[in-house]
Protein backbone atom coordinates (compact mmCIF):
# COMPACT_ATOMS: atom_id res chain seq x y z
CA MET A 1 106.31 54.87 85.34
CA SER A 2 106.84 58.62 84.39
CA VAL A 3 110.56 59.40 83.99
CA GLN A 4 111.63 62.71 83.74
CA ILE A 5 115.32 62.60 81.30
CA VAL A 6 117.66 65.43 82.25
CA LYS A 7 120.33 66.55 80.11
CA TYR A 8 123.88 66.82 81.40
CA ARG A 9 126.89 68.56 78.92
CA LEU A 10 129.93 66.13 80.43
CA THR A 11 133.19 68.11 80.32
CA VAL A 12 136.36 66.95 80.00
CA ASN A 13 137.34 68.59 83.78
CA ASP A 14 134.04 66.33 84.24
CA TYR A 15 135.84 63.05 82.84
CA HIS A 16 139.29 64.19 84.05
CA ARG A 17 137.73 63.95 87.41
CA MET A 18 136.21 61.33 87.56
CA ALA A 19 139.18 58.88 86.52
CA GLN A 20 141.23 61.26 89.02
CA ALA A 21 139.07 59.65 91.50
CA GLU A 22 138.78 56.36 90.47
CA ILE A 23 135.36 56.03 89.47
CA LEU A 24 136.30 54.90 86.07
CA SER A 25 138.82 51.97 85.46
CA GLU A 26 141.11 51.14 82.29
CA ASP A 27 138.30 49.78 80.48
CA ASP A 28 135.70 52.20 81.95
CA ARG A 29 137.92 55.10 80.12
CA VAL A 30 138.60 53.13 76.50
CA GLU A 31 135.15 52.42 76.52
CA LEU A 32 133.97 55.99 76.87
CA GLU A 33 136.46 57.24 74.83
CA ALA A 34 135.62 55.11 72.02
CA LEU A 35 131.98 56.29 72.65
CA LEU A 36 133.04 59.68 72.33
CA GLY A 37 134.60 59.33 69.55
CA ALA A 38 132.21 57.34 67.12
CA ILE A 39 129.65 60.48 68.55
CA ARG A 40 132.08 62.86 67.58
CA ASN A 41 133.06 61.59 64.12
CA GLY A 42 129.69 60.42 63.00
CA ASP A 43 130.09 56.84 63.36
CA PRO A 44 128.45 54.00 65.03
CA THR A 45 128.53 52.95 68.59
CA LEU A 46 130.20 49.99 69.35
CA VAL A 47 126.94 49.29 71.69
CA ASP A 48 123.61 49.58 69.70
CA PHE A 49 121.04 52.08 71.74
CA ASP A 50 118.26 49.30 71.35
CA GLU A 51 120.96 47.34 73.47
CA TYR A 52 121.31 50.52 76.08
CA VAL A 53 117.60 50.13 75.95
CA LEU A 54 117.27 46.63 76.83
CA THR A 55 119.99 46.05 79.31
CA THR A 56 118.18 49.31 81.27
CA LEU A 57 114.66 47.27 80.95
CA ALA A 58 115.84 44.28 82.05
CA THR A 59 117.77 45.83 84.85
CA PHE A 60 114.50 47.88 86.26
CA ALA A 61 112.55 44.46 85.94
CA VAL A 62 114.89 42.73 87.58
CA GLU A 63 114.61 45.79 90.44
CA LYS A 64 111.00 45.07 90.43
CA SER A 65 111.21 41.07 90.88
CA LEU A 66 113.57 41.45 93.70
CA ARG A 67 111.07 44.17 95.74
CA THR A 68 107.86 42.57 94.41
CA ASN A 69 109.00 38.66 94.89
CA GLU A 70 107.23 38.12 91.72
CA PRO A 71 108.13 36.90 88.13
CA VAL A 72 108.28 40.39 85.73
CA ALA A 73 108.02 39.84 81.84
CA ILE A 74 109.68 42.00 79.76
CA SER A 75 108.15 42.09 76.13
CA LEU A 76 109.09 43.52 72.63
CA ASP A 77 107.08 44.43 69.63
CA ASN A 78 108.28 45.56 66.01
CA SER A 79 108.87 48.97 67.42
CA GLY A 80 111.06 48.18 70.17
CA CYS A 81 110.54 48.17 73.85
CA SER A 82 107.52 47.67 75.75
CA GLN A 83 106.73 46.90 79.46
CA ASP A 84 106.58 49.01 82.66
CA PRO A 85 108.73 47.66 84.97
CA GLY A 86 108.87 50.35 87.65
CA GLY A 87 104.99 49.92 88.53
């Protein structure tokens, strides 16, 4: 599965618009502010990047399993994740 990553710069105005539209809960706002603060200050983030990757991989595998009605294995190697859950 080939995925094209599109970068989008989230502006402060975007953040405020999402809050006004109630897209973000109070917990979401706190978490996003913590993430942005850590990035701005060069500090470690609350959730490690590998955890985001693993969560995304698991989500894709669940979606594929639901679509195909078959179990989907998620395998890890020393370099991180290795699985094509979209195939």
